[in-house]
């Protein structure tokens, strides 16, 4: 079971939910796909035992073979390679590593070389398996590294994926292929607006979902009313508690010290499993 923890905006407590949910599962695998600013490790404190570079294949043109026909530029969907007056120009930062330019080059004048885009570290935190990626500073695209991080998913375990905030390409790449998506929000107009965007994204991906409302004792009722209208289950509601913020700001795992909230997370696990079972039943009836 792969559970993605996402949010329409930053600051809603997404990583707090992901880390504490993994703590409750004990033998889960945690995948931090927020490669531009990973921070799940600050709370789970894994012992890292492997570190490897991650790269992306980019085109290198052999000018002695190139005729400047322009076919490579025609097939590139990202303008990463263009031909001007029979001169080939390659923009590695735009390249998605699809290999189309090399495949379609009639003269076989293009080969691919690996360009480092970041690192992937893995380790353990108690019974938890942990993996995260760190994108190199200045790299414009996170999805290629996210894909490589997700290759480390251990399908035999319950996997908790901490997604980047928002609804852009890195989030889509992270959430894609998950069995269930938990959307973490806050009861404010900003939280509701960005939750609506996140719901639309997850629906287009065809993934079952539920919502966690953090700081539910402040703000307004807009988020809960929206979920009721849209038929989206509220999986857990966490009250505003200054102690939770203090734990977070100190890099502490909340459930280690605030044991009274373990019941909330136990209910969250139960509710996720119930929604997954309901979704599987609905699919069986459709068949």
C-alpha atoms as a PDB file:
ATOM      1  CA  UNK A   1       0.000   0.000   0.000  1.00  0.00           C
ATOM      2  CA  UNK A   2       1.444   3.341  -1.107  1.00  0.00           C
ATOM      3  CA  UNK A   3       0.029   6.403   0.653  1.00  0.00           C
ATOM      4  CA  UNK A   4       0.968   9.861  -0.631  1.00  0.00           C
ATOM      5  CA  UNK A   5       0.713  12.767   1.804  1.00  0.00           C
ATOM      6  CA  UNK A   6       0.153  16.008  -0.109  1.00  0.00           C
ATOM      7  CA  UNK A   7      -1.209  19.523   0.367  1.00  0.00           C
ATOM      8  CA  UNK A   8      -2.351  22.340  -1.847  1.00  0.00           C
ATOM      9  CA  UNK A   9      -0.053  24.768  -0.031  1.00  0.00           C
ATOM     10  CA  UNK A  10       2.933  24.777   2.264  1.00  0.00           C
ATOM     11  CA  UNK A  11       2.722  25.114   6.021  1.00  0.00           C
ATOM     12  CA  UNK A  12      -0.333  22.936   6.602  1.00  0.00           C
ATOM     13  CA  UNK A  13       1.529  20.226   8.528  1.00  0.00           C
ATOM     14  CA  UNK A  14       1.997  17.753   5.677  1.00  0.00           C
ATOM     15  CA  UNK A  15       5.396  16.492   6.807  1.00  0.00           C
ATOM     16  CA  UNK A  16       4.205  16.340  10.420  1.00  0.00           C
ATOM     17  CA  UNK A  17       1.378  14.028   9.342  1.00  0.00           C
ATOM     18  CA  UNK A  18       3.665  11.912   7.143  1.00  0.00           C
ATOM     19  CA  UNK A  19       6.349  11.439   9.806  1.00  0.00           C
ATOM     20  CA  UNK A  20       3.940  10.686  12.657  1.00  0.00           C
ATOM     21  CA  UNK A  21       1.851   8.334  10.529  1.00  0.00           C
ATOM     22  CA  UNK A  22       5.010   6.395   9.677  1.00  0.00           C
ATOM     23  CA  UNK A  23       5.936   6.327  13.382  1.00  0.00           C
ATOM     24  CA  UNK A  24       2.589   4.695  14.176  1.00  0.00           C
ATOM     25  CA  UNK A  25       3.053   2.084  11.443  1.00  0.00           C
ATOM     26  CA  UNK A  26       6.519   1.241  12.793  1.00  0.00           C
ATOM     27  CA  UNK A  27       7.661  -1.030   9.934  1.00  0.00           C
ATOM     28  CA  UNK A  28       6.715   1.291   7.062  1.00  0.00           C
ATOM     29  CA  UNK A  29       8.928   2.822   4.402  1.00  0.00           C
ATOM     30  CA  UNK A  30       9.161   6.615   4.231  1.00  0.00           C
ATOM     31  CA  UNK A  31       9.928   8.231   0.869  1.00  0.00           C
ATOM     32  CA  UNK A  32      10.546  11.986   1.031  1.00  0.00           C
ATOM     33  CA  UNK A  33       9.937  13.322  -2.482  1.00  0.00           C
ATOM     34  CA  UNK A  34      10.148  16.996  -1.535  1.00  0.00           C
ATOM     35  CA  UNK A  35      13.579  16.938  -3.163  1.00  0.00           C
ATOM     36  CA  UNK A  36      13.978  20.712  -3.265  1.00  0.00           C
ATOM     37  CA  UNK A  37      13.705  20.937   0.514  1.00  0.00           C
ATOM     38  CA  UNK A  38      13.430  17.506   2.186  1.00  0.00           C
ATOM     39  CA  UNK A  39      12.855  17.671   5.928  1.00  0.00           C
ATOM     40  CA  UNK A  40      11.209  14.418   7.047  1.00  0.00           C
ATOM     41  CA  UNK A  41      14.645  13.256   8.191  1.00  0.00           C
ATOM     42  CA  UNK A  42      14.743  16.069  10.761  1.00  0.00           C
ATOM     43  CA  UNK A  43      11.943  14.360  12.684  1.00  0.00           C
ATOM     44  CA  UNK A  44      12.562  10.664  12.022  1.00  0.00           C
ATOM     45  CA  UNK A  45      16.355  11.032  12.366  1.00  0.00           C
ATOM     46  CA  UNK A  46      17.319   8.034  10.209  1.00  0.00           C
ATOM     47  CA  UNK A  47      20.831   6.596  10.154  1.00  0.00           C
ATOM     48  CA  UNK A  48      21.858   6.938   6.514  1.00  0.00           C
ATOM     49  CA  UNK A  49      23.857   4.029   5.143  1.00  0.00           C
ATOM     50  CA  UNK A  50      23.853   4.688   1.389  1.00  0.00           C
ATOM     51  CA  UNK A  51      24.408   7.779  -0.704  1.00  0.00           C
ATOM     52  CA  UNK A  52      24.519   7.829  -4.478  1.00  0.00           C
ATOM     53  CA  UNK A  53      24.407  10.430  -7.200  1.00  0.00           C
ATOM     54  CA  UNK A  54      21.408  10.608  -9.500  1.00  0.00           C
ATOM     55  CA  UNK A  55      21.694  11.712 -13.100  1.00  0.00           C
ATOM     56  CA  UNK A  56      19.712  12.414 -16.209  1.00  0.00           C
ATOM     57  CA  UNK A  57      20.762  11.338 -19.721  1.00  0.00           C
ATOM     58  CA  UNK A  58      21.305  14.428 -21.875  1.00  0.00           C
ATOM     59  CA  UNK A  59      22.293  14.683 -25.560  1.00  0.00           C
ATOM     60  CA  UNK A  60      25.829  15.224 -26.808  1.00  0.00           C
ATOM     61  CA  UNK A  61      26.177  16.012 -30.514  1.00  0.00           C
ATOM     62  CA  UNK A  62      29.021  14.702 -32.662  1.00  0.00           C
ATOM     63  CA  UNK A  63      29.479  17.637 -35.057  1.00  0.00           C
ATOM     64  CA  UNK A  64      31.535  15.528 -37.445  1.00  0.00           C
ATOM     65  CA  UNK A  65      28.441  13.394 -38.126  1.00  0.00           C
ATOM     66  CA  UNK A  66      25.730  16.035 -37.797  1.00  0.00           C
ATOM     67  CA  UNK A  67      24.297  17.454 -41.040  1.00  0.00           C
ATOM     68  CA  UNK A  68      22.146  20.079 -39.326  1.00  0.00           C
ATOM     69  CA  UNK A  69      18.920  18.555 -40.651  1.00  0.00           C
ATOM     70  CA  UNK A  70      16.947  19.764 -37.617  1.00  0.00           C
ATOM     71  CA  UNK A  71      15.142  16.485 -36.933  1.00  0.00           C
ATOM     72  CA  UNK A  72      16.280  16.477 -33.298  1.00  0.00           C
ATOM     73  CA  UNK A  73      14.752  19.893 -32.677  1.00  0.00           C
ATOM     74  CA  UNK A  74      11.490  18.854 -34.317  1.00  0.00           C
ATOM     75  CA  UNK A  75      10.954  15.880 -32.026  1.00  0.00           C
ATOM     76  CA  UNK A  76      12.008  17.610 -28.779  1.00  0.00           C
ATOM     77  CA  UNK A  77       8.889  18.673 -26.907  1.00  0.00           C
ATOM     78  CA  UNK A  78      10.810  20.827 -24.438  1.00  0.00           C
ATOM     79  CA  UNK A  79      13.004  22.977 -26.722  1.00  0.00           C
ATOM     80  CA  UNK A  80      16.056  21.452 -25.077  1.00  0.00           C
ATOM     81  CA  UNK A  81      17.754  21.031 -28.456  1.00  0.00           C
ATOM     82  CA  UNK A  82      17.365  23.425 -31.360  1.00  0.00           C
ATOM     83  CA  UNK A  83      19.033  23.845 -34.743  1.00  0.00           C
ATOM     84  CA  UNK A  84      19.794  27.335 -36.052  1.00  0.00           C
ATOM     85  CA  UNK A  85      21.522  27.682 -39.427  1.00  0.00           C
ATOM     86  CA  UNK A  86      22.576  24.019 -39.220  1.00  0.00           C
ATOM     87  CA  UNK A  87      24.176  24.638 -35.820  1.00  0.00           C
ATOM     88  CA  UNK A  88      22.870  22.417 -32.996  1.00  0.00           C
ATOM     89  CA  UNK A  89      22.398  24.049 -29.597  1.00  0.00           C
ATOM     90  CA  UNK A  90      21.671  21.939 -26.492  1.00  0.00           C
ATOM     91  CA  UNK A  91      20.084  23.371 -23.331  1.00  0.00           C
ATOM     92  CA  UNK A  92      20.738  20.673 -20.743  1.00  0.00           C
ATOM     93  CA  UNK A  93      18.638  22.375 -18.046  1.00  0.00           C
ATOM     94  CA  UNK A  94      15.513  21.940 -20.189  1.00  0.00           C
ATOM     95  CA  UNK A  95      16.183  18.312 -21.101  1.00  0.00           C
ATOM     96  CA  UNK A  96      13.813  15.690 -19.659  1.00  0.00           C
ATOM     97  CA  UNK A  97      16.021  12.787 -20.686  1.00  0.00           C
ATOM     98  CA  UNK A  98      13.429  11.215 -23.000  1.00  0.00           C
ATOM     99  CA  UNK A  99      16.030  10.202 -25.614  1.00  0.00           C
ATOM    100  CA  UNK A 100      13.877  11.177 -28.602  1.00  0.00           C
ATOM    101  CA  UNK A 101      16.587  13.305 -30.218  1.00  0.00           C
ATOM    102  CA  UNK A 102      19.111  10.454 -30.213  1.00  0.00           C
ATOM    103  CA  UNK A 103      16.526   7.915 -31.362  1.00  0.00           C
ATOM    104  CA  UNK A 104      15.307   9.948 -34.339  1.00  0.00           C
ATOM    105  CA  UNK A 105      18.666  11.374 -35.472  1.00  0.00           C
ATOM    106  CA  UNK A 106      19.081   9.993 -39.032  1.00  0.00           C
ATOM    107  CA  UNK A 107      22.869  10.267 -38.880  1.00  0.00           C
ATOM    108  CA  UNK A 108      23.210   8.754 -35.376  1.00  0.00           C
ATOM    109  CA  UNK A 109      25.162  11.862 -34.461  1.00  0.00           C
ATOM    110  CA  UNK A 110      23.689  12.131 -30.948  1.00  0.00           C
ATOM    111  CA  UNK A 111      24.702  10.072 -27.956  1.00  0.00           C
ATOM    112  CA  UNK A 112      23.582  10.496 -24.343  1.00  0.00           C
ATOM    113  CA  UNK A 113      25.713  11.203 -21.306  1.00  0.00           C
ATOM    114  CA  UNK A 114      24.648  11.227 -17.673  1.00  0.00           C
ATOM    115  CA  UNK A 115      24.414  14.677 -16.067  1.00  0.00           C
ATOM    116  CA  UNK A 116      24.251  14.748 -12.261  1.00  0.00           C
ATOM    117  CA  UNK A 117      21.100  16.406 -10.925  1.00  0.00           C
ATOM    118  CA  UNK A 118      21.153  15.421  -7.238  1.00  0.00           C
ATOM    119  CA  UNK A 119      21.741  12.692  -4.689  1.00  0.00           C
ATOM    120  CA  UNK A 120      19.645   9.927  -3.137  1.00  0.00           C
ATOM    121  CA  UNK A 121      20.237   8.862   0.468  1.00  0.00           C
ATOM    122  CA  UNK A 122      18.697   5.907   2.255  1.00  0.00           C
ATOM    123  CA  UNK A 123      18.825   4.477   5.728  1.00  0.00           C
ATOM    124  CA  UNK A 124      16.768   3.282   8.686  1.00  0.00           C
ATOM    125  CA  UNK A 125      15.002   4.846  11.651  1.00  0.00           C
ATOM    126  CA  UNK A 126      14.141   2.087  14.076  1.00  0.00           C
ATOM    127  CA  UNK A 127      11.958  -0.300  12.096  1.00  0.00           C
ATOM    128  CA  UNK A 128      11.366   2.273   9.369  1.00  0.00           C
ATOM    129  CA  UNK A 129      13.073   2.251   5.996  1.00  0.00           C
ATOM    130  CA  UNK A 130      13.874   5.767   4.784  1.00  0.00           C
ATOM    131  CA  UNK A 131      14.745   7.291   1.400  1.00  0.00           C
ATOM    132  CA  UNK A 132      14.997  10.890   0.270  1.00  0.00           C
ATOM    133  CA  UNK A 133      16.397  12.851  -2.645  1.00  0.00           C
ATOM    134  CA  UNK A 134      18.246  16.164  -2.594  1.00  0.00           C
ATOM    135  CA  UNK A 135      18.156  18.185  -5.798  1.00  0.00           C
ATOM    136  CA  UNK A 136      21.343  20.044  -6.692  1.00  0.00           C
ATOM    137  CA  UNK A 137      21.171  23.788  -6.118  1.00  0.00           C
ATOM    138  CA  UNK A 138      20.195  25.572  -9.317  1.00  0.00           C
ATOM    139  CA  UNK A 139      18.549  22.559 -10.951  1.00  0.00           C
ATOM    140  CA  UNK A 140      15.257  23.764 -12.474  1.00  0.00           C
ATOM    141  CA  UNK A 141      13.403  20.425 -12.633  1.00  0.00           C
ATOM    142  CA  UNK A 142      12.540  18.168  -9.717  1.00  0.00           C
ATOM    143  CA  UNK A 143      10.450  15.424 -11.450  1.00  0.00           C
ATOM    144  CA  UNK A 144      13.418  13.470 -12.915  1.00  0.00           C
ATOM    145  CA  UNK A 145      14.942  13.091  -9.435  1.00  0.00           C
ATOM    146  CA  UNK A 146      11.547  12.289  -7.906  1.00  0.00           C
ATOM    147  CA  UNK A 147      11.140   9.443 -10.394  1.00  0.00           C
ATOM    148  CA  UNK A 148      14.509   8.027  -9.378  1.00  0.00           C
ATOM    149  CA  UNK A 149      13.648   8.321  -5.672  1.00  0.00           C
ATOM    150  CA  UNK A 150      10.378   6.456  -6.271  1.00  0.00           C
ATOM    151  CA  UNK A 151      12.288   3.610  -7.903  1.00  0.00           C
ATOM    152  CA  UNK A 152      13.367   2.729  -4.325  1.00  0.00           C
ATOM    153  CA  UNK A 153       9.787   2.017  -3.223  1.00  0.00           C
ATOM    154  CA  UNK A 154       9.503  -1.374  -1.518  1.00  0.00           C
ATOM    155  CA  UNK A 155       6.102  -2.611  -2.654  1.00  0.00           C
ATOM    156  CA  UNK A 156       5.903  -5.276   0.035  1.00  0.00           C
ATOM    157  CA  UNK A 157       5.649  -2.650   2.777  1.00  0.00           C
ATOM    158  CA  UNK A 158       3.285   0.160   3.664  1.00  0.00           C
ATOM    159  CA  UNK A 159       4.911   3.163   1.981  1.00  0.00           C
ATOM    160  CA  UNK A 160       4.412   6.745   3.139  1.00  0.00           C
ATOM    161  CA  UNK A 161       5.403   9.318   0.512  1.00  0.00           C
ATOM    162  CA  UNK A 162       5.889  12.915   1.625  1.00  0.00           C
ATOM    163  CA  UNK A 163       5.079  15.050  -1.409  1.00  0.00           C
ATOM    164  CA  UNK A 164       6.212  18.603  -2.169  1.00  0.00           C
ATOM    165  CA  UNK A 165       3.646  21.329  -1.399  1.00  0.00           C
ATOM    166  CA  UNK A 166       1.334  22.704  -4.079  1.00  0.00           C
ATOM    167  CA  UNK A 167      -0.107  21.132  -7.218  1.00  0.00           C
ATOM    168  CA  UNK A 168       2.670  21.601  -9.793  1.00  0.00           C
ATOM    169  CA  UNK A 169       4.598  18.980 -11.795  1.00  0.00           C
ATOM    170  CA  UNK A 170       6.714  17.694  -8.851  1.00  0.00           C
ATOM    171  CA  UNK A 171       3.546  16.954  -6.881  1.00  0.00           C
ATOM    172  CA  UNK A 172       1.860  15.222  -9.819  1.00  0.00           C
ATOM    173  CA  UNK A 173       4.959  13.072 -10.337  1.00  0.00           C
ATOM    174  CA  UNK A 174       5.032  12.194  -6.626  1.00  0.00           C
ATOM    175  CA  UNK A 175       1.345  11.338  -6.218  1.00  0.00           C
ATOM    176  CA  UNK A 176       1.048   9.446  -9.511  1.00  0.00           C
ATOM    177  CA  UNK A 177       0.573   5.669  -9.019  1.00  0.00           C
ATOM    178  CA  UNK A 178      -0.153   5.981  -5.275  1.00  0.00           C
ATOM    179  CA  UNK A 179      -2.917   3.770  -3.881  1.00  0.00           C
ATOM    180  CA  UNK A 180      -4.328   6.572  -1.741  1.00  0.00           C
ATOM    181  CA  UNK A 181      -3.713  10.282  -1.231  1.00  0.00           C
ATOM    182  CA  UNK A 182      -4.080  12.159   2.058  1.00  0.00           C
ATOM    183  CA  UNK A 183      -4.556  15.903   1.526  1.00  0.00           C
ATOM    184  CA  UNK A 184      -3.521  17.959   4.536  1.00  0.00           C
ATOM    185  CA  UNK A 185      -5.132  21.363   4.914  1.00  0.00           C
ATOM    186  CA  UNK A 186      -6.042  24.085   7.399  1.00  0.00           C
ATOM    187  CA  UNK A 187      -9.474  25.679   8.069  1.00  0.00           C
ATOM    188  CA  UNK A 188      -8.805  29.024   6.398  1.00  0.00           C
ATOM    189  CA  UNK A 189      -9.853  30.614   3.078  1.00  0.00           C
ATOM    190  CA  UNK A 190      -6.316  30.087   1.759  1.00  0.00           C
ATOM    191  CA  UNK A 191      -6.373  26.461   2.893  1.00  0.00           C
ATOM    192  CA  UNK A 192      -9.726  25.878   1.208  1.00  0.00           C
ATOM    193  CA  UNK A 193      -8.699  27.515  -2.068  1.00  0.00           C
ATOM    194  CA  UNK A 194      -5.569  25.389  -2.367  1.00  0.00           C
ATOM    195  CA  UNK A 195      -7.375  22.256  -1.186  1.00  0.00           C
ATOM    196  CA  UNK A 196      -9.820  22.653  -4.083  1.00  0.00           C
ATOM    197  CA  UNK A 197      -6.880  22.756  -6.516  1.00  0.00           C
ATOM    198  CA  UNK A 198      -5.320  19.678  -4.920  1.00  0.00           C
ATOM    199  CA  UNK A 199      -8.611  17.763  -5.053  1.00  0.00           C
ATOM    200  CA  UNK A 200      -8.952  18.535  -8.763  1.00  0.00           C
ATOM    201  CA  UNK A 201      -5.417  17.262  -9.370  1.00  0.00           C
ATOM    202  CA  UNK A 202      -5.953  14.005  -7.481  1.00  0.00           C
ATOM    203  CA  UNK A 203      -9.274  13.382  -9.200  1.00  0.00           C
ATOM    204  CA  UNK A 204      -7.664  13.746 -12.620  1.00  0.00           C
ATOM    205  CA  UNK A 205      -5.111  11.141 -11.555  1.00  0.00           C
ATOM    206  CA  UNK A 206      -7.944   8.821 -10.504  1.00  0.00           C
ATOM    207  CA  UNK A 207      -6.619   8.232  -6.978  1.00  0.00           C
ATOM    208  CA  UNK A 208      -8.905   7.777  -3.935  1.00  0.00           C
ATOM    209  CA  UNK A 209      -8.360  10.440  -1.300  1.00  0.00           C
ATOM    210  CA  UNK A 210      -9.274  11.850   2.066  1.00  0.00           C
ATOM    211  CA  UNK A 211      -8.547  15.027   3.994  1.00  0.00           C
ATOM    212  CA  UNK A 212      -6.761  15.809   7.252  1.00  0.00           C
ATOM    213  CA  UNK A 213      -7.686  19.144   8.837  1.00  0.00           C
ATOM    214  CA  UNK A 214      -4.971  20.569  11.067  1.00  0.00           C
ATOM    215  CA  UNK A 215      -5.676  23.293  13.658  1.00  0.00           C
ATOM    216  CA  UNK A 216      -9.373  22.471  13.294  1.00  0.00           C
ATOM    217  CA  UNK A 217     -10.332  24.437  16.427  1.00  0.00           C
ATOM    218  CA  UNK A 218      -9.439  27.767  14.826  1.00  0.00           C
ATOM    219  CA  UNK A 219     -10.380  29.286  11.468  1.00  0.00           C
ATOM    220  CA  UNK A 220     -13.771  28.631   9.900  1.00  0.00           C
ATOM    221  CA  UNK A 221     -15.986  25.759   8.767  1.00  0.00           C
ATOM    222  CA  UNK A 222     -15.421  26.251   5.020  1.00  0.00           C
ATOM    223  CA  UNK A 223     -13.117  23.246   4.554  1.00  0.00           C
ATOM    224  CA  UNK A 224     -15.419  20.817   6.336  1.00  0.00           C
ATOM    225  CA  UNK A 225     -18.470  22.077   4.423  1.00  0.00           C
ATOM    226  CA  UNK A 226     -16.589  21.722   1.146  1.00  0.00           C
ATOM    227  CA  UNK A 227     -15.626  18.133   1.961  1.00  0.00           C
ATOM    228  CA  UNK A 228     -19.239  17.310   2.808  1.00  0.00           C
ATOM    229  CA  UNK A 229     -20.470  18.789  -0.491  1.00  0.00           C
ATOM    230  CA  UNK A 230     -17.844  16.945  -2.527  1.00  0.00           C
ATOM    231  CA  UNK A 231     -18.205  13.636  -0.705  1.00  0.00           C
ATOM    232  CA  UNK A 232     -14.576  13.683   0.450  1.00  0.00           C
ATOM    233  CA  UNK A 233     -13.997  11.916   3.777  1.00  0.00           C
ATOM    234  CA  UNK A 234     -12.339  13.847   6.598  1.00  0.00           C
ATOM    235  CA  UNK A 235      -9.933  11.231   7.903  1.00  0.00           C
ATOM    236  CA  UNK A 236      -8.624  13.138  10.914  1.00  0.00           C
ATOM    237  CA  UNK A 237      -9.073  16.523  12.584  1.00  0.00           C
ATOM    238  CA  UNK A 238      -6.279  17.816  14.792  1.00  0.00           C
ATOM    239  CA  UNK A 239      -6.917  20.692  17.201  1.00  0.00           C
ATOM    240  CA  UNK A 240      -4.692  23.727  17.514  1.00  0.00           C
ATOM    241  CA  UNK A 241      -2.160  22.954  20.246  1.00  0.00           C
ATOM    242  CA  UNK A 242       0.849  25.157  20.921  1.00  0.00           C
ATOM    243  CA  UNK A 243       2.772  22.104  22.109  1.00  0.00           C
ATOM    244  CA  UNK A 244       2.556  20.563  18.614  1.00  0.00           C
ATOM    245  CA  UNK A 245       4.154  23.686  17.146  1.00  0.00           C
ATOM    246  CA  UNK A 246       6.854  23.570  19.818  1.00  0.00           C
ATOM    247  CA  UNK A 247       7.630  19.941  19.018  1.00  0.00           C
ATOM    248  CA  UNK A 248       7.838  20.731  15.303  1.00  0.00           C
ATOM    249  CA  UNK A 249      10.075  23.783  15.748  1.00  0.00           C
ATOM    250  CA  UNK A 250      12.419  21.694  17.917  1.00  0.00           C
ATOM    251  CA  UNK A 251      12.687  18.922  15.320  1.00  0.00           C
ATOM    252  CA  UNK A 252      10.866  16.478  17.573  1.00  0.00           C
ATOM    253  CA  UNK A 253       8.432  13.773  16.526  1.00  0.00           C
ATOM    254  CA  UNK A 254       5.161  14.844  18.116  1.00  0.00           C
ATOM    255  CA  UNK A 255       3.849  11.389  19.034  1.00  0.00           C
ATOM    256  CA  UNK A 256       6.960  10.542  21.034  1.00  0.00           C
ATOM    257  CA  UNK A 257       6.093  13.163  23.629  1.00  0.00           C
ATOM    258  CA  UNK A 258       2.392  13.941  23.131  1.00  0.00           C
ATOM    259  CA  UNK A 259       1.116  10.418  23.506  1.00  0.00           C
ATOM    260  CA  UNK A 260      -2.514  11.537  23.823  1.00  0.00           C
ATOM    261  CA  UNK A 261      -2.548  12.182  20.067  1.00  0.00           C
ATOM    262  CA  UNK A 262      -1.650   8.604  19.176  1.00  0.00           C
ATOM    263  CA  UNK A 263      -5.351   7.770  19.221  1.00  0.00           C
ATOM    264  CA  UNK A 264      -5.922  10.375  16.487  1.00  0.00           C
ATOM    265  CA  UNK A 265      -3.306   8.762  14.264  1.00  0.00           C
ATOM    266  CA  UNK A 266      -4.621   5.287  15.038  1.00  0.00           C
ATOM    267  CA  UNK A 267      -8.014   6.456  13.754  1.00  0.00           C
ATOM    268  CA  UNK A 268      -6.320   7.956  10.689  1.00  0.00           C
ATOM    269  CA  UNK A 269      -4.811   4.578   9.800  1.00  0.00           C
ATOM    270  CA  UNK A 270      -8.166   2.860  10.333  1.00  0.00           C
ATOM    271  CA  UNK A 271      -9.970   5.415   8.169  1.00  0.00           C
ATOM    272  CA  UNK A 272      -7.442   5.148   5.326  1.00  0.00           C
ATOM    273  CA  UNK A 273      -7.783   1.373   5.265  1.00  0.00           C
ATOM    274  CA  UNK A 274     -11.575   1.661   5.322  1.00  0.00           C
ATOM    275  CA  UNK A 275     -11.564   4.072   2.373  1.00  0.00           C
ATOM    276  CA  UNK A 276      -9.220   1.814   0.412  1.00  0.00           C
ATOM    277  CA  UNK A 277     -11.460  -1.167   1.091  1.00  0.00           C
ATOM    278  CA  UNK A 278     -14.516   0.852   0.015  1.00  0.00           C
ATOM    279  CA  UNK A 279     -12.762   1.887  -3.195  1.00  0.00           C
ATOM    280  CA  UNK A 280     -11.764  -1.692  -3.998  1.00  0.00           C
ATOM    281  CA  UNK A 281     -15.357  -2.847  -3.414  1.00  0.00           C
ATOM    282  CA  UNK A 282     -16.687  -0.131  -5.720  1.00  0.00           C
ATOM    283  CA  UNK A 283     -14.256  -1.187  -8.476  1.00  0.00           C
ATOM    284  CA  UNK A 284     -15.313  -4.821  -8.131  1.00  0.00           C
ATOM    285  CA  UNK A 285     -18.979  -3.855  -8.544  1.00  0.00           C
ATOM    286  CA  UNK A 286     -18.140  -1.785 -11.636  1.00  0.00           C
ATOM    287  CA  UNK A 287     -16.518  -4.798 -13.254  1.00  0.00           C
END
